Amino acid sequence: MLFSRRLMLGLAVAGTMAGALAFPAMAEGPTEIDLFFPVPVDGKLARDMGTLIKEFNETHPAIKATAVYTGSYDDTLIKTRAAIKAGKPPSAVIMSANFLLDMQIENELTNLDSLIAADGTTKEQFLGQFFPALQGNAVINRSVYGVPFHNSTPLLYINADKAKEAGLDPNKPPQTWAELTDWAKKLTKREGDKVTQWGIAIPCAYDYCGWMMETLTMSNGGRYYNEEFGGEVYYDTPSMLGALTWWNDLVSKHKVHPPGATPGPAVSTSFISGNAAMIMLSTGSLTYVRDNAKFAYKVAFIPRNVRNAVPIGGASLIVPAGLEADRQKAAWTLIKWMTSPEKSAWWSRATGYFAPNMAAYKTPDMVEFLSKNPDAKTAVEQLDVAKPWFATYKTVPVRKNLEDEVMLVLNGKKQPKEALIAAQKAADETLKPYNAETSLKLP
């Protein structure tokens, strides 16, 4: 009898405790996560991101995601690092793909290998969804730290109407620097000493300028950095000297390129307005050009001097270090959804970035879209000659060491050789602490 009473009492207490435990769980609601996202190119990315996150929340009631606009790629890195330092990291970030190595060195990233394994798949299977050219910026020391989300390569945009007016065939775009220089001369218009139409414009502001220098250096046979080690860059080299000299020649010798350092938005505006007949710009601007150009245009590979080669651009989705387990799991759910074939395809159509998930190009909507917009194929086709985006210890300061000098050259204040010597010296100094702890730390 005593045992029976004790059992009934125990069951009653257990039931009360279970009810007490169950009630808060019901009251907790969805796991709330935030996604930091930049807008690095022209267009309506903020609106498109709002549309994407709204759909995610509607189809995932256990999670409530909030998209937080964080400015440029550089701004997004600064804000993410500040949040991590304050102990309040965002759940996920669309981070410039070439910042991942620096963040991994500083222990600011979550290694994604365990999350991939928990899904019952291997790293090789997971990465196999994405174009091979993108993996160099997503994998560090054989571990996955980023998931390609929106990616780009630089393209040559050509005003087809103006090309025809100049006796040029836009269906046979320039293949070499020599041909591009010739085209730019024919496309430049003057009224006395005043230029009314520039033949070519290439953006140079922080971030874009470094990417363009890597683009030109690679197509001149060179390398911007050591792809296997984060402590070396190659600024004072013949390949980069040739690249910067040619860019400067377009400005000061041939006078077919506007003087000074021009930001990306100003370059795209000059193309849309007809002030520049050709531009080099990210494929991420393709939808903006398609929606706003009142003329026929063509996009083409970046012309070569020594070889066809371009760097990858764009961003990967990352999970910052320091997240609670439930938010980390929710962030991983969001990341997988955003990089699925269907959503990858939708984002590509909305923005102009190419879809990193290869299966996106087999979805019915994407097949139909490409049949109507063949210009969207160019960046994908150029992936055959694409290589990783420069990534080093302190990527941004090291990049700015070069960009500051390039801007001086384009503004007519320095010659290319002296500028690159100065850039190399400054970069070596920036990289010095990392080398002291790695390549120069000897037994």
Protein backbone atom coordinates (compact mmCIF):
# COMPACT_ATOMS: atom_id res chain seq x y z
CA MET A 1 0.00 0.00 0.00
CA LEU A 2 2.85 2.34 0.92
CA PHE A 3 4.63 1.49 -2.33
CA SER A 4 1.43 2.19 -4.29
CA ARG A 5 1.02 5.60 -2.69
CA ARG A 6 4.65 6.45 -3.33
CA LEU A 7 4.28 5.38 -6.99
CA MET A 8 1.16 7.51 -7.44
CA LEU A 9 2.86 10.45 -5.76
CA GLY A 10 5.93 10.00 -7.95
CA LEU A 11 3.84 9.89 -11.09
CA ALA A 12 1.97 13.01 -10.04
CA VAL A 13 5.23 14.88 -9.36
CA ALA A 14 6.72 13.68 -12.64
CA GLY A 15 3.60 14.77 -14.49
CA THR A 16 3.73 18.18 -12.84
CA MET A 17 7.42 18.54 -13.73
CA ALA A 18 6.79 17.40 -17.29
CA GLY A 19 4.03 19.94 -17.62
CA ALA A 20 6.26 22.63 -16.20
CA LEU A 21 9.02 21.69 -18.62
CA ALA A 22 6.67 21.41 -21.59
CA PHE A 23 5.05 24.78 -21.08
CA PRO A 24 8.21 26.92 -21.54
CA ALA A 25 9.10 24.89 -24.65
CA MET A 26 5.74 25.79 -26.16
CA ALA A 27 6.25 29.41 -25.23
CA GLU A 28 9.76 29.70 -26.67
CA GLY A 29 8.66 30.02 -30.27
CA PRO A 30 10.97 29.85 -33.28
CA THR A 31 14.75 30.05 -33.08
CA GLU A 32 15.68 33.60 -34.05
CA ILE A 33 18.71 34.12 -36.26
CA ASP A 34 20.16 37.06 -38.14
CA LEU A 35 21.91 37.16 -41.50
CA PHE A 36 24.39 39.92 -42.28
CA PHE A 37 24.41 40.73 -45.99
CA PRO A 38 26.30 43.26 -48.13
CA VAL A 39 25.29 44.97 -51.36
CA PRO A 40 28.55 45.21 -53.30
CA VAL A 41 27.19 45.91 -56.80
CA ASP A 42 24.47 47.83 -58.58
CA GLY A 43 20.89 46.65 -58.57
CA LYS A 44 18.16 45.72 -56.13
CA LEU A 45 19.90 43.15 -53.95
CA ALA A 46 18.39 44.46 -50.71
CA ARG A 47 14.88 44.03 -52.07
CA ASP A 48 15.73 40.59 -53.46
CA MET A 49 17.20 39.52 -50.13
CA GLY A 50 14.01 40.57 -48.37
CA THR A 51 12.00 38.41 -50.78
CA LEU A 52 14.28 35.42 -50.20
CA ILE A 53 14.21 35.62 -46.40
CA LYS A 54 10.44 36.11 -46.36
CA GLU A 55 10.03 32.84 -48.27
CA PHE A 56 12.44 31.04 -45.95
CA ASN A 57 10.50 32.13 -42.86
CA GLU A 58 7.19 31.11 -44.41
CA THR A 59 8.50 27.62 -45.18
CA HIS A 60 10.48 27.14 -41.93
CA PRO A 61 8.15 28.06 -39.03
CA ALA A 62 10.62 26.78 -36.43
CA ILE A 63 13.12 29.47 -37.46
CA LYS A 64 12.75 33.23 -37.76
CA ALA A 65 15.51 34.77 -39.86
CA THR A 66 16.14 38.49 -40.12
CA ALA A 67 18.28 39.95 -42.89
CA VAL A 68 20.53 42.83 -41.76
CA TYR A 69 22.07 45.06 -44.42
CA THR A 70 25.73 45.71 -43.55
CA GLY A 71 27.06 47.86 -46.41
CA SER A 72 30.00 46.89 -48.62
CA TYR A 73 32.07 43.74 -48.35
CA ASP A 74 34.65 45.63 -46.28
CA ASP A 75 31.93 47.11 -44.05
CA THR A 76 30.43 43.67 -43.53
CA LEU A 77 33.77 42.27 -42.35
CA ILE A 78 34.20 45.14 -39.89
CA LYS A 79 30.68 44.76 -38.48
CA THR A 80 30.94 40.98 -38.23
CA ARG A 81 34.22 41.20 -36.35
CA ALA A 82 32.80 43.83 -33.99
CA ALA A 83 29.80 41.60 -33.25
CA ILE A 84 32.02 38.59 -32.59
CA LYS A 85 34.25 40.62 -30.29
CA ALA A 86 31.18 41.86 -28.39
CA GLY A 87 30.03 38.28 -27.87
CA LYS A 88 26.99 38.73 -30.11
CA PRO A 89 27.95 37.16 -33.46
CA PRO A 90 25.40 37.07 -36.26
CA SER A 91 24.12 33.58 -37.05
CA ALA A 92 25.25 33.68 -40.68
CA VAL A 93 27.01 36.15 -42.95
CA ILE A 94 27.30 36.58 -46.70
CA MET A 95 31.04 37.24 -46.56
CA SER A 96 33.40 38.21 -49.35
CA ALA A 97 34.90 34.87 -50.38
CA ASN A 98 38.48 36.08 -50.06
CA PHE A 99 38.08 37.16 -46.42
CA LEU A 100 37.63 33.61 -45.15
CA LEU A 101 41.33 32.77 -44.82
CA ASP A 102 42.02 35.85 -42.71
CA MET A 103 39.01 35.09 -40.50
CA GLN A 104 40.09 31.47 -40.11
CA ILE A 105 43.58 32.60 -39.07
CA GLU A 106 41.95 34.81 -36.42
CA ASN A 107 39.68 31.94 -35.20
CA GLU A 108 36.53 33.81 -36.19
CA LEU A 109 34.88 31.06 -38.26
CA THR A 110 33.01 27.85 -37.51
CA ASN A 111 34.49 24.80 -39.21
CA LEU A 112 31.55 23.36 -41.14
CA ASP A 113 32.86 19.79 -41.40
CA SER A 114 30.84 18.51 -38.42
CA LEU A 115 27.61 20.07 -39.71
CA ILE A 116 28.18 18.44 -43.10
CA ALA A 117 28.89 15.08 -41.45
CA ALA A 118 25.76 15.37 -39.29
CA ASP A 119 23.73 15.45 -42.50
CA GLY A 120 25.16 12.06 -43.43
CA THR A 121 27.29 13.30 -46.30
CA THR A 122 31.01 13.70 -46.95
CA LYS A 123 32.88 16.92 -47.62
CA GLU A 124 33.57 15.71 -51.13
CA GLN A 125 29.89 15.06 -51.78
CA PHE A 126 28.88 18.39 -50.32
CA LEU A 127 31.46 20.40 -52.27
CA GLY A 128 30.66 18.41 -55.40
CA GLN A 129 27.47 20.45 -55.77
CA PHE A 130 29.49 23.57 -56.59
CA PHE A 131 31.70 24.59 -59.49
CA PRO A 132 35.28 23.41 -58.78
CA ALA A 133 36.71 26.91 -59.35
CA LEU A 134 34.90 28.12 -56.20
CA GLN A 135 36.37 25.59 -53.81
CA GLY A 136 39.73 27.33 -53.45
CA ASN A 137 38.16 30.13 -51.41
CA ALA A 138 35.79 27.86 -49.43
CA VAL A 139 38.23 25.19 -48.24
CA ILE A 140 41.10 25.95 -45.84
CA ASN A 141 43.47 23.24 -44.65
CA ARG A 142 41.15 20.59 -46.13
CA SER A 143 38.18 21.78 -44.06
CA VAL A 144 35.08 23.62 -45.29
CA TYR A 145 34.63 27.11 -43.87
CA GLY A 146 32.32 28.69 -46.45
CA VAL A 147 29.48 27.73 -48.77
CA PRO A 148 29.48 29.52 -52.17
CA PHE A 149 26.38 31.69 -52.43
CA HIS A 150 26.70 34.36 -55.09
CA ASN A 151 29.77 34.39 -57.21
CA SER A 152 31.13 36.33 -60.11
CA THR A 153 33.89 36.76 -62.60
CA PRO A 154 34.80 40.08 -64.24
CA LEU A 155 33.37 40.58 -67.71
CA LEU A 156 33.91 42.93 -70.61
CA TYR A 157 30.66 44.79 -71.33
CA ILE A 158 30.32 46.25 -74.85
CA ASN A 159 27.79 48.75 -76.17
CA ALA A 160 26.92 46.86 -79.35
CA ASP A 161 25.27 49.85 -81.03
CA LYS A 162 28.33 52.03 -80.56
CA ALA A 163 30.61 49.22 -81.72
CA LYS A 164 28.67 48.93 -84.97
CA GLU A 165 28.79 52.72 -85.44
CA ALA A 166 32.58 52.50 -85.18
CA GLY A 167 32.75 49.72 -87.76
CA LEU A 168 33.39 46.99 -85.18
CA ASP A 169 31.61 43.66 -84.90
CA PRO A 170 30.22 43.19 -81.35
CA ASN A 171 29.77 39.49 -82.09
CA LYS A 172 33.55 39.23 -82.42
CA PRO A 173 34.71 41.04 -79.27
CA PRO A 174 38.37 41.84 -78.61
CA GLN A 175 40.36 38.80 -77.49
CA THR A 176 43.65 40.45 -76.56
CA TRP A 177 44.87 43.63 -74.89
CA ALA A 178 46.11 44.84 -78.26
CA GLU A 179 42.68 44.33 -79.81
CA LEU A 180 40.95 45.97 -76.86
CA THR A 181 43.27 48.97 -77.09
CA ASP A 182 42.45 49.28 -80.80
CA TRP A 183 38.72 49.03 -80.09
CA ALA A 184 38.98 51.65 -77.33
CA LYS A 185 40.71 54.07 -79.67
CA LYS A 186 38.00 53.65 -82.31
CA LEU A 187 35.23 54.01 -79.72
CA THR A 188 36.61 57.17 -78.07
CA LYS A 189 34.99 60.37 -79.35
CA ARG A 190 36.28 63.91 -78.94
CA GLU A 191 35.12 67.43 -79.59
CA GLY A 192 38.36 69.34 -79.66
CA ASP A 193 40.16 68.51 -76.40
CA LYS A 194 36.97 67.33 -74.72
CA VAL A 195 36.16 63.60 -74.62
CA THR A 196 32.46 62.98 -75.20
CA GLN A 197 32.70 59.18 -75.18
CA TRP A 198 35.34 57.03 -73.54
CA GLY A 199 36.41 53.83 -75.25
CA ILE A 200 36.89 51.85 -72.04
CA ALA A 201 36.43 52.34 -68.28
CA ILE A 202 37.70 50.08 -65.49
CA PRO A 203 36.66 50.61 -61.85
CA CYS A 204 39.21 51.48 -59.19
CA ALA A 205 38.05 52.09 -55.64
CA TYR A 206 38.72 50.08 -52.52
CA ASP A 207 37.85 46.41 -53.10
CA TYR A 208 37.12 46.71 -56.84
CA CYS A 209 40.59 48.06 -57.59
CA GLY A 210 42.38 45.09 -56.08
CA TRP A 211 40.12 42.68 -57.95
CA MET A 212 40.78 44.46 -61.23
CA MET A 213 44.52 44.37 -60.60
CA GLU A 214 44.32 40.64 -59.96
CA THR A 215 42.28 40.28 -63.16
CA LEU A 216 44.80 42.13 -65.31
CA THR A 217 47.81 40.49 -63.64
CA MET A 218 46.39 37.02 -64.15
CA SER A 219 45.59 37.70 -67.82
CA ASN A 220 49.19 38.87 -68.10
CA GLY A 221 50.44 35.49 -66.92
CA GLY A 222 50.98 36.39 -63.27
CA ARG A 223 49.82 35.62 -59.75
CA TYR A 224 48.60 38.13 -57.19
CA TYR A 225 49.43 36.00 -54.14
CA ASN A 226 50.66 32.62 -52.95
CA GLU A 227 47.56 30.40 -53.14
CA GLU A 228 49.09 27.92 -50.68
CA PHE A 229 50.24 30.35 -48.00
CA GLY A 230 48.69 33.49 -46.55
CA GLY A 231 51.92 35.41 -46.04
CA GLU A 232 53.03 36.34 -49.58
CA VAL A 233 51.85 38.65 -52.34
CA TYR A 234 53.53 39.38 -55.66
CA TYR A 235 53.19 43.10 -56.36
CA ASP A 236 56.68 43.99 -57.56
CA THR A 237 56.74 41.53 -60.48
CA PRO A 238 56.94 41.85 -64.28
CA SER A 239 53.39 40.50 -64.72
CA MET A 240 51.83 43.07 -62.36
CA LEU A 241 54.06 45.84 -63.71
CA GLY A 242 52.84 45.07 -67.22
CA ALA A 243 49.22 45.03 -66.03
CA LEU A 244 49.42 48.39 -64.26
CA THR A 245 51.45 49.97 -67.06
CA TRP A 246 48.84 48.93 -69.65
CA TRP A 247 46.00 50.27 -67.48
CA ASN A 248 47.87 53.53 -67.03
CA ASP A 249 48.64 53.68 -70.76
CA LEU A 250 44.92 53.53 -71.52
CA VAL A 251 44.59 56.67 -69.37
CA SER A 252 47.69 58.75 -70.07
CA LYS A 253 49.14 57.47 -73.36
CA HIS A 254 46.17 56.39 -75.46
CA LYS A 255 43.69 58.66 -73.64
CA VAL A 256 40.82 56.24 -74.13
CA HIS A 257 40.06 55.71 -70.40
CA PRO A 258 38.87 58.42 -67.99
CA PRO A 259 41.64 59.77 -65.73
CA GLY A 260 41.70 59.06 -62.03
CA ALA A 261 40.29 56.25 -59.94
CA THR A 262 36.60 55.66 -60.68
CA PRO A 263 34.30 53.69 -58.31
CA GLY A 264 32.26 50.77 -59.66
CA PRO A 265 28.84 52.51 -59.58
CA ALA A 266 30.23 55.45 -61.58
CA VAL A 267 31.61 53.04 -64.17
CA SER A 268 28.28 51.24 -64.60
CA THR A 269 26.48 54.60 -64.79
CA SER A 270 28.87 55.78 -67.50
CA PHE A 271 28.06 52.67 -69.52
CA ILE A 272 24.30 53.01 -69.12
CA SER A 273 24.45 56.71 -70.02
CA GLY A 274 26.56 56.05 -73.12
CA ASN A 275 29.57 57.93 -71.75
CA ALA A 276 31.70 54.76 -71.90
CA ALA A 277 31.41 52.31 -74.80
CA MET A 278 33.13 49.42 -72.99
CA ILE A 279 33.64 48.62 -69.33
CA MET A 280 35.13 45.86 -67.20
CA LEU A 281 32.74 45.00 -64.39
CA SER A 282 31.47 42.10 -62.30
CA THR A 283 28.85 39.74 -63.68
CA GLY A 284 27.00 40.73 -60.49
CA SER A 285 26.06 43.93 -62.35
CA LEU A 286 24.56 42.06 -65.30
CA THR A 287 20.93 42.28 -64.21
CA TYR A 288 21.35 46.01 -63.54
CA VAL A 289 22.74 46.51 -67.04
CA ARG A 290 20.06 44.30 -68.59
CA ASP A 291 17.29 46.22 -66.84
CA ASN A 292 18.62 49.72 -67.55
CA ALA A 293 20.46 49.70 -70.88
CA LYS A 294 18.46 51.37 -73.64
CA PHE A 295 20.74 49.88 -76.26
CA ALA A 296 21.98 46.50 -77.44
CA TYR A 297 24.96 45.23 -75.48
CA LYS A 298 27.26 42.22 -75.39
CA VAL A 299 29.32 40.62 -72.64
CA ALA A 300 32.58 38.80 -73.28
CA PHE A 301 35.59 37.21 -71.60
CA ILE A 302 38.26 39.50 -70.22
CA PRO A 303 40.87 39.89 -73.01
CA ARG A 304 44.31 38.39 -72.46
CA ASN A 305 47.86 39.54 -72.96
CA VAL A 306 49.58 36.26 -72.04
CA ARG A 307 46.72 33.91 -71.11
CA ASN A 308 43.00 33.77 -70.46
CA ALA A 309 42.59 33.82 -66.69
CA VAL A 310 40.32 35.63 -64.23
CA PRO A 311 39.76 35.57 -60.48
CA ILE A 312 36.62 34.42 -58.77
CA GLY A 313 34.62 37.14 -57.03
CA GLY A 314 31.50 37.26 -54.92
CA ALA A 315 30.68 35.81 -51.53
CA SER A 316 30.24 32.69 -49.45
CA LEU A 317 27.90 32.00 -46.57
CA ILE A 318 29.74 31.54 -43.28
CA VAL A 319 28.84 30.74 -39.67
CA PRO A 320 30.83 32.93 -37.24
CA ALA A 321 32.52 31.38 -34.23
CA GLY A 322 30.82 31.60 -30.84
CA LEU A 323 27.23 30.68 -31.74
CA GLU A 324 24.95 28.69 -29.44
CA ALA A 325 24.12 25.21 -30.75
CA ASP A 326 20.47 25.97 -31.61
CA ARG A 327 21.33 29.10 -33.59
CA GLN A 328 24.20 27.31 -35.33
CA LYS A 329 21.83 24.52 -36.39
CA ALA A 330 19.23 27.03 -37.60
CA ALA A 331 21.89 28.98 -39.51
CA TRP A 332 23.01 25.79 -41.23
CA THR A 333 19.42 25.10 -42.27
CA LEU A 334 19.21 28.60 -43.78
CA ILE A 335 22.56 28.21 -45.57
CA LYS A 336 21.61 24.88 -47.15
CA TRP A 337 18.28 26.30 -48.29
CA MET A 338 19.83 29.45 -49.79
CA THR A 339 22.40 27.41 -51.72
CA SER A 340 20.00 24.75 -52.99
CA PRO A 341 19.64 24.47 -56.79
CA GLU A 342 16.26 26.21 -56.88
CA LYS A 343 17.20 29.16 -54.68
CA SER A 344 20.66 29.46 -56.21
CA ALA A 345 19.00 29.69 -59.62
CA TRP A 346 16.47 32.27 -58.43
CA TRP A 347 19.16 34.48 -56.90
CA SER A 348 21.20 34.29 -60.09
CA ARG A 349 18.26 35.39 -62.22
CA ALA A 350 17.43 38.19 -59.80
CA THR A 351 20.93 39.63 -59.44
CA GLY A 352 23.20 38.63 -62.31
CA TYR A 353 25.63 36.66 -60.15
CA PHE A 354 26.13 33.18 -61.53
CA ALA A 355 24.66 30.31 -59.54
CA PRO A 356 27.45 28.39 -57.74
CA ASN A 357 25.33 25.24 -57.42
CA MET A 358 25.78 23.45 -60.75
CA ALA A 359 22.37 21.77 -60.55
CA ALA A 360 20.75 25.23 -60.66
CA TYR A 361 21.35 25.27 -64.40
CA LYS A 362 19.21 22.17 -64.85
CA THR A 363 16.11 23.64 -63.20
CA PRO A 364 13.29 24.37 -65.68
CA ASP A 365 13.10 28.08 -64.82
CA MET A 366 16.87 28.50 -65.35
CA VAL A 367 16.85 26.60 -68.65
CA GLU A 368 14.10 28.90 -69.90
CA PHE A 369 15.87 32.00 -68.56
CA LEU A 370 19.15 31.15 -70.30
CA SER A 371 17.35 30.55 -73.58
CA LYS A 372 16.08 34.14 -73.39
CA ASN A 373 19.20 35.67 -71.80
CA PRO A 374 22.26 33.96 -73.27
CA ASP A 375 24.48 36.72 -71.85
CA ALA A 376 24.10 35.03 -68.44
CA LYS A 377 26.12 32.06 -69.75
CA THR A 378 29.33 34.03 -70.29
CA ALA A 379 30.50 34.15 -66.68
CA VAL A 380 29.80 30.43 -66.28
CA GLU A 381 31.75 29.60 -69.44
CA GLN A 382 34.64 31.74 -68.17
CA LEU A 383 34.89 29.49 -65.08
CA ASP A 384 37.07 27.17 -67.15
CA VAL A 385 39.88 29.74 -66.75
CA ALA A 386 38.92 31.05 -63.30
CA LYS A 387 41.17 30.85 -60.25
CA PRO A 388 40.73 31.72 -56.54
CA TRP A 389 40.36 35.28 -55.33
CA PHE A 390 43.39 36.67 -53.48
CA ALA A 391 43.27 35.69 -49.81
CA THR A 392 45.97 36.44 -47.25
CA TYR A 393 46.53 37.29 -43.64
CA LYS A 394 44.94 40.73 -43.17
CA THR A 395 43.50 40.61 -46.68
CA VAL A 396 41.98 44.09 -46.61
CA PRO A 397 45.06 46.03 -45.40
CA VAL A 398 47.31 44.06 -47.76
CA ARG A 399 44.94 44.80 -50.63
CA LYS A 400 44.81 48.48 -49.71
CA ASN A 401 48.62 48.60 -49.72
CA LEU A 402 48.31 47.97 -53.46
CA GLU A 403 45.14 49.94 -54.14
CA ASP A 404 46.53 53.15 -52.63
CA GLU A 405 49.48 52.99 -55.02
CA VAL A 406 47.38 52.10 -58.08
CA MET A 407 45.15 55.10 -57.41
CA LEU A 408 48.21 57.36 -57.31
CA VAL A 409 49.28 56.01 -60.70
CA LEU A 410 45.85 56.51 -62.29
CA ASN A 411 45.75 60.03 -60.85
CA GLY A 412 49.07 60.82 -62.51
CA LYS A 413 51.05 61.16 -59.27
CA LYS A 414 53.32 58.11 -59.55
CA GLN A 415 54.82 55.86 -62.20
CA PRO A 416 53.85 52.16 -62.15
CA LYS A 417 57.25 50.76 -61.16
CA GLU A 418 57.80 53.02 -58.15
CA ALA A 419 54.20 52.47 -57.07
CA LEU A 420 54.55 48.69 -57.09
CA ILE A 421 57.86 48.81 -55.21
CA ALA A 422 56.11 50.87 -52.52
CA ALA A 423 53.08 48.55 -52.50
CA GLN A 424 55.28 45.48 -52.07
CA LYS A 425 57.23 47.06 -49.23
CA ALA A 426 54.05 48.08 -47.41
CA ALA A 427 52.43 44.67 -47.91
CA ASP A 428 55.53 42.84 -46.68
CA GLU A 429 55.40 44.95 -43.52
CA THR A 430 51.69 44.19 -43.03
CA LEU A 431 52.35 40.47 -43.46
CA LYS A 432 55.42 40.48 -41.20
CA PRO A 433 53.69 39.33 -37.96
CA TYR A 434 52.09 36.34 -39.70
CA ASN A 435 55.36 35.29 -41.32
CA ALA A 436 57.12 35.62 -37.98
CA GLU A 437 54.74 33.04 -36.53
CA THR A 438 54.73 30.72 -39.54
CA SER A 439 57.30 30.64 -42.34
CA LEU A 440 60.02 32.33 -40.32
CA LYS A 441 59.35 30.51 -37.04
CA LEU A 442 62.10 27.92 -37.15
CA PRO A 443 63.18 25.15 -34.79
